[in-house]
């Protein structure tokens, strides 16, 4: 009886120990997720809140060489694409760009603006018109324009011819004519884009012939030339020629470019 009693007591203690071990294991497993939640998935347990985000800096850049809203928008778009972390805003009325971000973002924005905000190139364009007839070159005329890169320059030389476009009557019965004026003569338009020069030349004159529309309506003869050439500084480039109506004469047109700044 004593032996059996001792064996029973040993078995009971083993069972109690097993239950106690099982209880401790359950407690440790249940406590583990709470410890993980307190630590966080991306930050060490001893890190401080806000330590992963450096303080922001702000700065406003005033552009020195930008003269149009399109130029401001181009620089602003470039900054936004290259520095997506920063907040970038453009002020068109002051040609300014404000940047908010880290110190590295501000420095990168400053470097990019220094590279992009450059003065535009300015050229002196000299157009030479030379009369050619019977295989011989005659007198020449020259016209000079100052062209800023990206902007259109225009030269007009001639007269304004009135053209009647209509008429209307007052309540008293008197009639008045509606008249508009047409430029007649020489017109030169130039646009420099990078190393390319776009030129539109138009030569017009009033013909001695009369139109059949009305006695006051003239016939205007017009010849135009549109062309594109690569700028070659100091060396004239022939663009083409304009033919004179009812004549064997023509005008040969050449242009020479010189950088002003």
C-alpha atoms as a PDB file:
ATOM      1  CA  UNK A   1       0.000   0.000   0.000  1.00  0.00           C
ATOM      2  CA  UNK A   2       2.802   2.434   0.800  1.00  0.00           C
ATOM      3  CA  UNK A   3       4.552   1.680  -2.437  1.00  0.00           C
ATOM      4  CA  UNK A   4       1.422   2.136  -4.450  1.00  0.00           C
ATOM      5  CA  UNK A   5       0.625   5.316  -2.552  1.00  0.00           C
ATOM      6  CA  UNK A   6       4.079   6.691  -3.281  1.00  0.00           C
ATOM      7  CA  UNK A   7       3.746   5.818  -6.949  1.00  0.00           C
ATOM      8  CA  UNK A   8       0.344   7.529  -7.117  1.00  0.00           C
ATOM      9  CA  UNK A   9       1.699  10.659  -5.509  1.00  0.00           C
ATOM     10  CA  UNK A  10       4.578  10.736  -8.008  1.00  0.00           C
ATOM     11  CA  UNK A  11       2.188  10.427 -10.882  1.00  0.00           C
ATOM     12  CA  UNK A  12       0.047  13.255  -9.554  1.00  0.00           C
ATOM     13  CA  UNK A  13       3.037  15.508  -9.161  1.00  0.00           C
ATOM     14  CA  UNK A  14       4.160  14.682 -12.691  1.00  0.00           C
ATOM     15  CA  UNK A  15       0.714  15.561 -13.984  1.00  0.00           C
ATOM     16  CA  UNK A  16       0.646  18.810 -12.048  1.00  0.00           C
ATOM     17  CA  UNK A  17       4.094  19.677 -13.365  1.00  0.00           C
ATOM     18  CA  UNK A  18       2.973  18.924 -16.891  1.00  0.00           C
ATOM     19  CA  UNK A  19      -0.066  21.107 -16.537  1.00  0.00           C
ATOM     20  CA  UNK A  20       2.082  23.829 -14.996  1.00  0.00           C
ATOM     21  CA  UNK A  21       4.566  23.616 -17.886  1.00  0.00           C
ATOM     22  CA  UNK A  22       1.729  23.768 -20.403  1.00  0.00           C
ATOM     23  CA  UNK A  23       0.287  26.831 -18.670  1.00  0.00           C
ATOM     24  CA  UNK A  24       3.630  28.640 -18.746  1.00  0.00           C
ATOM     25  CA  UNK A  25       4.083  27.834 -22.428  1.00  0.00           C
ATOM     26  CA  UNK A  26       0.670  29.238 -23.260  1.00  0.00           C
ATOM     27  CA  UNK A  27       1.364  32.409 -21.308  1.00  0.00           C
ATOM     28  CA  UNK A  28       4.702  32.973 -23.071  1.00  0.00           C
ATOM     29  CA  UNK A  29       3.152  32.449 -26.502  1.00  0.00           C
ATOM     30  CA  UNK A  30       0.284  34.788 -25.776  1.00  0.00           C
ATOM     31  CA  UNK A  31       2.651  37.475 -24.487  1.00  0.00           C
ATOM     32  CA  UNK A  32       4.877  37.389 -27.607  1.00  0.00           C
ATOM     33  CA  UNK A  33       2.564  39.238 -30.044  1.00  0.00           C
ATOM     34  CA  UNK A  34       2.050  42.118 -27.590  1.00  0.00           C
ATOM     35  CA  UNK A  35       5.821  42.580 -27.401  1.00  0.00           C
ATOM     36  CA  UNK A  36       6.065  42.650 -31.204  1.00  0.00           C
ATOM     37  CA  UNK A  37       3.280  45.224 -31.442  1.00  0.00           C
ATOM     38  CA  UNK A  38       5.000  47.476 -28.939  1.00  0.00           C
ATOM     39  CA  UNK A  39       8.257  47.359 -30.881  1.00  0.00           C
ATOM     40  CA  UNK A  40       6.747  48.029 -34.361  1.00  0.00           C
ATOM     41  CA  UNK A  41       7.645  46.400 -37.708  1.00  0.00           C
ATOM     42  CA  UNK A  42       9.991  49.065 -39.160  1.00  0.00           C
ATOM     43  CA  UNK A  43      11.527  50.861 -36.195  1.00  0.00           C
ATOM     44  CA  UNK A  44      13.879  49.456 -33.549  1.00  0.00           C
ATOM     45  CA  UNK A  45      12.509  49.281 -30.023  1.00  0.00           C
ATOM     46  CA  UNK A  46      14.854  51.986 -28.752  1.00  0.00           C
ATOM     47  CA  UNK A  47      14.181  54.449 -31.673  1.00  0.00           C
ATOM     48  CA  UNK A  48      12.373  57.726 -31.019  1.00  0.00           C
ATOM     49  CA  UNK A  49       9.198  58.792 -32.850  1.00  0.00           C
ATOM     50  CA  UNK A  50       9.930  61.137 -35.742  1.00  0.00           C
ATOM     51  CA  UNK A  51      13.571  60.162 -35.988  1.00  0.00           C
ATOM     52  CA  UNK A  52      13.150  58.774 -39.533  1.00  0.00           C
ATOM     53  CA  UNK A  53      12.048  62.146 -41.034  1.00  0.00           C
ATOM     54  CA  UNK A  54      14.617  64.959 -41.199  1.00  0.00           C
ATOM     55  CA  UNK A  55      13.311  68.484 -40.577  1.00  0.00           C
ATOM     56  CA  UNK A  56      12.105  70.362 -43.652  1.00  0.00           C
ATOM     57  CA  UNK A  57      13.690  73.521 -45.047  1.00  0.00           C
ATOM     58  CA  UNK A  58      12.084  76.175 -47.232  1.00  0.00           C
ATOM     59  CA  UNK A  59      13.528  78.541 -49.809  1.00  0.00           C
ATOM     60  CA  UNK A  60      12.269  80.792 -52.613  1.00  0.00           C
ATOM     61  CA  UNK A  61      14.311  81.207 -55.801  1.00  0.00           C
ATOM     62  CA  UNK A  62      13.815  84.319 -57.961  1.00  0.00           C
ATOM     63  CA  UNK A  63      14.618  83.569 -61.603  1.00  0.00           C
ATOM     64  CA  UNK A  64      16.857  86.183 -63.227  1.00  0.00           C
ATOM     65  CA  UNK A  65      16.574  85.356 -66.933  1.00  0.00           C
ATOM     66  CA  UNK A  66      13.050  83.971 -67.315  1.00  0.00           C
ATOM     67  CA  UNK A  67      10.698  86.366 -69.129  1.00  0.00           C
ATOM     68  CA  UNK A  68       7.627  84.245 -69.933  1.00  0.00           C
ATOM     69  CA  UNK A  69       5.231  82.048 -67.975  1.00  0.00           C
ATOM     70  CA  UNK A  70       6.036  79.113 -70.266  1.00  0.00           C
ATOM     71  CA  UNK A  71       9.706  79.245 -69.256  1.00  0.00           C
ATOM     72  CA  UNK A  72       8.704  79.304 -65.577  1.00  0.00           C
ATOM     73  CA  UNK A  73       6.407  76.293 -66.059  1.00  0.00           C
ATOM     74  CA  UNK A  74       9.145  74.337 -67.843  1.00  0.00           C
ATOM     75  CA  UNK A  75      11.604  74.825 -64.971  1.00  0.00           C
ATOM     76  CA  UNK A  76       8.925  74.054 -62.369  1.00  0.00           C
ATOM     77  CA  UNK A  77       7.954  70.820 -64.164  1.00  0.00           C
ATOM     78  CA  UNK A  78      11.594  69.756 -64.394  1.00  0.00           C
ATOM     79  CA  UNK A  79      12.084  70.292 -60.644  1.00  0.00           C
ATOM     80  CA  UNK A  80       8.929  68.358 -59.754  1.00  0.00           C
ATOM     81  CA  UNK A  81       9.960  65.380 -61.874  1.00  0.00           C
ATOM     82  CA  UNK A  82      13.541  65.297 -60.602  1.00  0.00           C
ATOM     83  CA  UNK A  83      12.756  65.989 -56.905  1.00  0.00           C
ATOM     84  CA  UNK A  84       9.450  64.168 -56.258  1.00  0.00           C
ATOM     85  CA  UNK A  85       9.848  64.257 -52.456  1.00  0.00           C
ATOM     86  CA  UNK A  86       9.837  68.068 -52.291  1.00  0.00           C
ATOM     87  CA  UNK A  87       6.899  70.440 -52.547  1.00  0.00           C
ATOM     88  CA  UNK A  88       7.440  72.930 -55.365  1.00  0.00           C
ATOM     89  CA  UNK A  89       5.262  75.918 -56.291  1.00  0.00           C
ATOM     90  CA  UNK A  90       5.733  78.588 -58.967  1.00  0.00           C
ATOM     91  CA  UNK A  91       4.700  82.254 -58.686  1.00  0.00           C
ATOM     92  CA  UNK A  92       4.222  83.540 -62.237  1.00  0.00           C
ATOM     93  CA  UNK A  93       3.735  87.187 -61.247  1.00  0.00           C
ATOM     94  CA  UNK A  94       7.205  87.331 -59.678  1.00  0.00           C
ATOM     95  CA  UNK A  95       8.953  84.635 -61.763  1.00  0.00           C
ATOM     96  CA  UNK A  96       9.778  82.811 -58.534  1.00  0.00           C
ATOM     97  CA  UNK A  97       9.762  79.181 -57.388  1.00  0.00           C
ATOM     98  CA  UNK A  98       9.321  78.107 -53.756  1.00  0.00           C
ATOM     99  CA  UNK A  99      10.709  74.757 -52.606  1.00  0.00           C
ATOM    100  CA  UNK A 100      10.004  72.923 -49.342  1.00  0.00           C
ATOM    101  CA  UNK A 101      11.880  69.740 -48.478  1.00  0.00           C
ATOM    102  CA  UNK A 102      15.018  68.356 -46.913  1.00  0.00           C
ATOM    103  CA  UNK A 103      18.333  70.207 -47.076  1.00  0.00           C
ATOM    104  CA  UNK A 104      19.465  67.827 -49.810  1.00  0.00           C
ATOM    105  CA  UNK A 105      16.335  68.637 -51.841  1.00  0.00           C
ATOM    106  CA  UNK A 106      16.928  72.380 -51.468  1.00  0.00           C
ATOM    107  CA  UNK A 107      20.537  72.019 -52.584  1.00  0.00           C
ATOM    108  CA  UNK A 108      19.523  69.936 -55.601  1.00  0.00           C
ATOM    109  CA  UNK A 109      16.874  72.500 -56.563  1.00  0.00           C
ATOM    110  CA  UNK A 110      19.451  75.296 -56.319  1.00  0.00           C
ATOM    111  CA  UNK A 111      21.880  73.418 -58.572  1.00  0.00           C
ATOM    112  CA  UNK A 112      19.205  72.695 -61.177  1.00  0.00           C
ATOM    113  CA  UNK A 113      17.898  76.275 -61.236  1.00  0.00           C
ATOM    114  CA  UNK A 114      21.448  77.549 -61.718  1.00  0.00           C
ATOM    115  CA  UNK A 115      21.780  75.302 -64.762  1.00  0.00           C
ATOM    116  CA  UNK A 116      18.346  76.095 -66.235  1.00  0.00           C
ATOM    117  CA  UNK A 117      17.978  79.824 -65.531  1.00  0.00           C
ATOM    118  CA  UNK A 118      20.412  81.098 -68.131  1.00  0.00           C
ATOM    119  CA  UNK A 119      20.216  84.191 -70.343  1.00  0.00           C
ATOM    120  CA  UNK A 120      18.887  83.583 -73.834  1.00  0.00           C
ATOM    121  CA  UNK A 121      21.190  83.985 -76.758  1.00  0.00           C
ATOM    122  CA  UNK A 122      20.758  87.089 -78.893  1.00  0.00           C
ATOM    123  CA  UNK A 123      21.647  87.201 -82.586  1.00  0.00           C
ATOM    124  CA  UNK A 124      22.024  89.952 -85.159  1.00  0.00           C
ATOM    125  CA  UNK A 125      20.513  88.687 -88.404  1.00  0.00           C
ATOM    126  CA  UNK A 126      21.452  90.427 -91.653  1.00  0.00           C
ATOM    127  CA  UNK A 127      19.319  89.644 -94.692  1.00  0.00           C
ATOM    128  CA  UNK A 128      20.772  90.567 -98.081  1.00  0.00           C
ATOM    129  CA  UNK A 129      18.531  90.929-101.151  1.00  0.00           C
ATOM    130  CA  UNK A 130      20.461  90.918-104.441  1.00  0.00           C
ATOM    131  CA  UNK A 131      18.936  91.568-107.876  1.00  0.00           C
ATOM    132  CA  UNK A 132      19.876  88.934-110.425  1.00  0.00           C
ATOM    133  CA  UNK A 133      18.993  89.337-114.100  1.00  0.00           C
ATOM    134  CA  UNK A 134      20.480  88.106-117.332  1.00  0.00           C
ATOM    135  CA  UNK A 135      23.049  86.081-115.463  1.00  0.00           C
ATOM    136  CA  UNK A 136      24.453  89.176-113.741  1.00  0.00           C
ATOM    137  CA  UNK A 137      24.253  90.238-110.133  1.00  0.00           C
ATOM    138  CA  UNK A 138      23.056  93.770-109.548  1.00  0.00           C
ATOM    139  CA  UNK A 139      22.554  96.015-106.540  1.00  0.00           C
ATOM    140  CA  UNK A 140      21.967  94.644-103.055  1.00  0.00           C
ATOM    141  CA  UNK A 141      19.890  95.782-100.096  1.00  0.00           C
ATOM    142  CA  UNK A 142      20.438  94.722 -96.510  1.00  0.00           C
ATOM    143  CA  UNK A 143      18.008  94.513 -93.589  1.00  0.00           C
ATOM    144  CA  UNK A 144      19.098  93.793 -90.007  1.00  0.00           C
ATOM    145  CA  UNK A 145      17.057  92.289 -87.177  1.00  0.00           C
ATOM    146  CA  UNK A 146      17.899  91.517 -83.546  1.00  0.00           C
ATOM    147  CA  UNK A 147      16.484  88.103 -82.646  1.00  0.00           C
ATOM    148  CA  UNK A 148      16.230  86.628 -79.152  1.00  0.00           C
ATOM    149  CA  UNK A 149      16.285  82.846 -79.005  1.00  0.00           C
ATOM    150  CA  UNK A 150      12.759  81.476 -78.826  1.00  0.00           C
ATOM    151  CA  UNK A 151      11.068  84.792 -79.681  1.00  0.00           C
ATOM    152  CA  UNK A 152       9.733  86.018 -83.022  1.00  0.00           C
ATOM    153  CA  UNK A 153      11.254  89.140 -84.598  1.00  0.00           C
ATOM    154  CA  UNK A 154       9.499  91.056 -87.360  1.00  0.00           C
ATOM    155  CA  UNK A 155      10.446  93.774 -89.834  1.00  0.00           C
ATOM    156  CA  UNK A 156       7.903  95.527 -92.061  1.00  0.00           C
ATOM    157  CA  UNK A 157       8.773  98.077 -94.729  1.00  0.00           C
ATOM    158  CA  UNK A 158       6.188  99.514 -97.110  1.00  0.00           C
ATOM    159  CA  UNK A 159       2.815 101.260 -97.103  1.00  0.00           C
ATOM    160  CA  UNK A 160      -0.702 100.511 -95.930  1.00  0.00           C
ATOM    161  CA  UNK A 161      -3.230 100.252 -98.733  1.00  0.00           C
ATOM    162  CA  UNK A 162      -6.918 100.878 -97.892  1.00  0.00           C
ATOM    163  CA  UNK A 163      -9.301  98.125 -98.977  1.00  0.00           C
ATOM    164  CA  UNK A 164     -13.076  98.535 -98.806  1.00  0.00           C
ATOM    165  CA  UNK A 165     -14.591  95.515 -97.108  1.00  0.00           C
ATOM    166  CA  UNK A 166     -18.249  96.640 -96.932  1.00  0.00           C
ATOM    167  CA  UNK A 167     -20.677  99.461 -96.305  1.00  0.00           C
ATOM    168  CA  UNK A 168     -23.537 100.332 -93.988  1.00  0.00           C
ATOM    169  CA  UNK A 169     -26.284 102.975 -93.879  1.00  0.00           C
ATOM    170  CA  UNK A 170     -27.256 105.326 -91.072  1.00  0.00           C
ATOM    171  CA  UNK A 171     -30.836 106.045 -90.098  1.00  0.00           C
ATOM    172  CA  UNK A 172     -30.708 109.274 -92.086  1.00  0.00           C
ATOM    173  CA  UNK A 173     -29.905 107.382 -95.280  1.00  0.00           C
ATOM    174  CA  UNK A 174     -26.224 108.262 -95.552  1.00  0.00           C
ATOM    175  CA  UNK A 175     -23.899 105.380 -96.382  1.00  0.00           C
ATOM    176  CA  UNK A 176     -20.416 104.814 -95.096  1.00  0.00           C
ATOM    177  CA  UNK A 177     -17.790 102.327 -96.179  1.00  0.00           C
ATOM    178  CA  UNK A 178     -15.926  99.899 -93.956  1.00  0.00           C
ATOM    179  CA  UNK A 179     -12.230  99.969 -94.721  1.00  0.00           C
ATOM    180  CA  UNK A 180      -9.265  97.940 -93.574  1.00  0.00           C
ATOM    181  CA  UNK A 181      -5.602  98.569 -94.345  1.00  0.00           C
ATOM    182  CA  UNK A 182      -3.276  95.973 -95.822  1.00  0.00           C
ATOM    183  CA  UNK A 183       0.513  96.122 -95.450  1.00  0.00           C
ATOM    184  CA  UNK A 184       2.147  96.228 -98.859  1.00  0.00           C
ATOM    185  CA  UNK A 185       5.915  96.010 -99.258  1.00  0.00           C
ATOM    186  CA  UNK A 186       8.458  93.785 -97.544  1.00  0.00           C
ATOM    187  CA  UNK A 187       7.833  91.707 -94.414  1.00  0.00           C
ATOM    188  CA  UNK A 188      10.479  89.591 -92.672  1.00  0.00           C
ATOM    189  CA  UNK A 189       9.727  87.309 -89.713  1.00  0.00           C
ATOM    190  CA  UNK A 190      12.506  85.393 -87.952  1.00  0.00           C
ATOM    191  CA  UNK A 191      12.504  82.886 -85.101  1.00  0.00           C
ATOM    192  CA  UNK A 192      15.644  81.306 -83.644  1.00  0.00           C
ATOM    193  CA  UNK A 193      15.196  77.930 -81.933  1.00  0.00           C
ATOM    194  CA  UNK A 194      18.432  76.402 -80.769  1.00  0.00           C
ATOM    195  CA  UNK A 195      20.716  76.271 -83.803  1.00  0.00           C
ATOM    196  CA  UNK A 196      17.832  76.562 -86.282  1.00  0.00           C
ATOM    197  CA  UNK A 197      16.563  79.749 -87.935  1.00  0.00           C
ATOM    198  CA  UNK A 198      13.003  79.872 -89.269  1.00  0.00           C
ATOM    199  CA  UNK A 199      12.390  82.680 -91.763  1.00  0.00           C
ATOM    200  CA  UNK A 200       9.235  83.930 -93.471  1.00  0.00           C
ATOM    201  CA  UNK A 201       9.746  86.595 -96.159  1.00  0.00           C
ATOM    202  CA  UNK A 202       6.859  88.181 -97.993  1.00  0.00           C
ATOM    203  CA  UNK A 203       7.086  90.710-100.825  1.00  0.00           C
ATOM    204  CA  UNK A 204       3.870  92.372-102.040  1.00  0.00           C
ATOM    205  CA  UNK A 205       2.917  95.245-104.360  1.00  0.00           C
ATOM    206  CA  UNK A 206      -0.186  96.870-105.831  1.00  0.00           C
ATOM    207  CA  UNK A 207      -0.816  95.810-109.404  1.00  0.00           C
ATOM    208  CA  UNK A 208      -1.860  98.274-112.099  1.00  0.00           C
ATOM    209  CA  UNK A 209      -4.700  95.954-112.972  1.00  0.00           C
ATOM    210  CA  UNK A 210      -8.117  96.611-111.470  1.00  0.00           C
ATOM    211  CA  UNK A 211     -10.293  93.997-109.885  1.00  0.00           C
ATOM    212  CA  UNK A 212     -13.788  93.347-111.141  1.00  0.00           C
ATOM    213  CA  UNK A 213     -15.278  93.545-107.647  1.00  0.00           C
ATOM    214  CA  UNK A 214     -15.301  97.314-107.324  1.00  0.00           C
ATOM    215  CA  UNK A 215     -13.461 100.400-108.564  1.00  0.00           C
ATOM    216  CA  UNK A 216     -11.762 100.876-105.186  1.00  0.00           C
ATOM    217  CA  UNK A 217     -10.592  97.288-104.759  1.00  0.00           C
ATOM    218  CA  UNK A 218      -6.953  96.849-105.826  1.00  0.00           C
ATOM    219  CA  UNK A 219      -5.150  93.705-106.896  1.00  0.00           C
ATOM    220  CA  UNK A 220      -2.176  92.931-104.662  1.00  0.00           C
ATOM    221  CA  UNK A 221       0.629  90.763-105.996  1.00  0.00           C
ATOM    222  CA  UNK A 222       2.383  88.697-103.391  1.00  0.00           C
ATOM    223  CA  UNK A 223       5.421  86.423-103.282  1.00  0.00           C
ATOM    224  CA  UNK A 224       6.438  84.548-100.112  1.00  0.00           C
ATOM    225  CA  UNK A 225       9.334  82.395 -99.003  1.00  0.00           C
ATOM    226  CA  UNK A 226       9.358  80.081 -95.984  1.00  0.00           C
ATOM    227  CA  UNK A 227      12.523  78.325 -94.989  1.00  0.00           C
ATOM    228  CA  UNK A 228      14.600  76.823 -92.212  1.00  0.00           C
ATOM    229  CA  UNK A 229      18.381  76.833 -92.017  1.00  0.00           C
ATOM    230  CA  UNK A 230      21.097  75.999 -89.511  1.00  0.00           C
ATOM    231  CA  UNK A 231      22.761  79.079 -88.059  1.00  0.00           C
ATOM    232  CA  UNK A 232      26.322  79.535 -89.274  1.00  0.00           C
ATOM    233  CA  UNK A 233      27.893  82.546 -87.621  1.00  0.00           C
ATOM    234  CA  UNK A 234      29.771  84.936 -89.895  1.00  0.00           C
ATOM    235  CA  UNK A 235      28.976  83.030 -93.087  1.00  0.00           C
ATOM    236  CA  UNK A 236      25.998  84.028 -95.325  1.00  0.00           C
ATOM    237  CA  UNK A 237      23.568  81.242 -96.202  1.00  0.00           C
ATOM    238  CA  UNK A 238      21.370  81.513 -99.298  1.00  0.00           C
ATOM    239  CA  UNK A 239      17.719  80.922 -98.387  1.00  0.00           C
ATOM    240  CA  UNK A 240      16.237  81.121-101.885  1.00  0.00           C
ATOM    241  CA  UNK A 241      15.007  83.670-104.373  1.00  0.00           C
ATOM    242  CA  UNK A 242      11.857  85.650-105.168  1.00  0.00           C
ATOM    243  CA  UNK A 243      10.747  86.006-108.750  1.00  0.00           C
ATOM    244  CA  UNK A 244       9.392  89.297-110.087  1.00  0.00           C
ATOM    245  CA  UNK A 245       6.077  88.900-111.959  1.00  0.00           C
ATOM    246  CA  UNK A 246       6.206  89.587-115.696  1.00  0.00           C
ATOM    247  CA  UNK A 247       9.966  90.021-115.556  1.00  0.00           C
ATOM    248  CA  UNK A 248      13.149  88.016-115.969  1.00  0.00           C
ATOM    249  CA  UNK A 249      14.522  89.522-112.753  1.00  0.00           C
ATOM    250  CA  UNK A 250      14.634  87.820-109.411  1.00  0.00           C
ATOM    251  CA  UNK A 251      15.900  88.515-105.914  1.00  0.00           C
ATOM    252  CA  UNK A 252      18.367  86.199-104.258  1.00  0.00           C
ATOM    253  CA  UNK A 253      18.048  86.175-100.456  1.00  0.00           C
ATOM    254  CA  UNK A 254      20.860  85.302 -98.066  1.00  0.00           C
ATOM    255  CA  UNK A 255      21.160  85.626 -94.296  1.00  0.00           C
ATOM    256  CA  UNK A 256      24.163  85.941 -91.999  1.00  0.00           C
ATOM    257  CA  UNK A 257      24.003  85.477 -88.207  1.00  0.00           C
ATOM    258  CA  UNK A 258      26.207  87.031 -85.556  1.00  0.00           C
ATOM    259  CA  UNK A 259      25.948  86.301 -81.833  1.00  0.00           C
ATOM    260  CA  UNK A 260      25.473  89.469 -79.795  1.00  0.00           C
ATOM    261  CA  UNK A 261      25.596  87.794 -76.353  1.00  0.00           C
END
